[in-house]
Protein backbone atom coordinates (compact mmCIF):
# COMPACT_ATOMS: atom_id res chain seq x y z
CA MET A 1 8.03 -56.08 215.49
CA THR A 2 9.31 -55.06 212.02
CA ASN A 3 11.87 -56.94 210.04
CA LEU A 4 14.59 -54.15 210.71
CA GLN A 5 14.00 -54.52 214.47
CA LEU A 6 14.32 -58.31 214.27
CA LEU A 7 17.46 -57.97 212.12
CA LEU A 8 19.08 -55.50 214.62
CA THR A 9 18.03 -57.79 217.48
CA ILE A 10 19.80 -60.82 216.16
CA GLY A 11 22.62 -58.99 214.01
CA ILE A 12 24.17 -56.73 216.70
CA PRO A 13 24.77 -59.44 219.34
CA SER A 14 26.03 -61.69 216.54
CA ILE A 15 28.57 -59.14 215.47
CA LEU A 16 29.68 -58.50 218.99
CA VAL A 17 30.36 -62.23 219.39
CA VAL A 18 32.38 -62.45 216.24
CA LEU A 19 34.37 -59.43 217.17
CA ALA A 20 35.13 -60.79 220.60
CA TRP A 21 36.22 -64.28 219.04
CA LEU A 22 38.51 -62.53 216.62
CA SER A 23 39.94 -60.30 219.58
CA ASN A 24 40.58 -63.43 221.65
CA ASN A 25 41.97 -65.37 218.67
CA SER A 26 44.56 -62.64 218.01
CA ARG A 27 45.49 -62.69 221.76
CA LEU A 28 46.01 -66.49 221.71
CA THR A 29 48.22 -66.35 218.67
CA ALA A 30 50.43 -63.68 220.45
CA HIS A 31 50.61 -65.89 223.55
CA ASP A 32 51.59 -68.85 221.50
CA LYS A 33 54.38 -67.00 219.94
CA ARG A 34 55.75 -65.83 223.32
CA PHE A 35 55.33 -69.49 224.62
CA ASP A 36 57.38 -70.71 221.67
CA ASP A 37 59.97 -68.06 222.34
CA VAL A 38 60.38 -69.19 226.02
CA ILE A 39 60.60 -72.84 225.09
CA ALA A 40 63.33 -71.98 222.50
CA SER A 41 65.26 -69.99 225.24
CA GLN A 42 64.98 -72.82 227.64
CA HIS A 43 66.23 -75.19 225.16
CA ARG A 44 69.37 -73.07 224.47
CA ASP A 45 69.89 -72.77 228.07
CA ALA A 46 69.67 -76.57 228.57
CA LEU A 47 72.10 -77.04 225.68
CA GLU A 48 74.60 -74.61 227.28
CA ILE A 49 74.36 -76.32 230.54
CA MET A 50 74.99 -79.72 229.02
CA ARG A 51 78.06 -78.32 227.11
CA ASN A 52 79.41 -76.99 230.36
CA MET A 53 78.82 -80.27 232.25
CA THR A 54 80.50 -82.22 229.62
CA ALA A 55 83.64 -79.88 229.52
CA LEU A 56 83.66 -80.24 233.34
CA HIS A 57 83.39 -84.13 233.14
CA GLU A 58 86.37 -84.09 230.56
CA ARG A 59 88.48 -81.93 232.94
CA VAL A 60 87.77 -84.19 235.85
CA ALA A 61 88.60 -87.16 233.73
CA VAL A 62 92.09 -85.66 232.97
CA VAL A 63 92.75 -84.92 236.60
CA GLU A 64 91.79 -88.34 237.61
CA ALA A 65 94.01 -89.87 234.93
CA ASN A 66 96.95 -87.73 236.06
CA GLN A 67 96.46 -88.82 239.76
CA ALA A 68 96.36 -92.48 238.72
CA ARG A 69 99.86 -92.19 237.32
């Protein structure tokens, strides 16, 4: 086996492994960004629900105060 054959035997699989790793890394980065977007969206939704519940609680308190008179 010549040096060129040895180099190709080791080099080509190594290059393919590195390319596959880079490809997976870019996909994971895209998934992380989408995950962060989903978490932020759910956080905004939770805040909106808490605001609505607070407003409802305040309205109920006003009605109960009026009924107690």
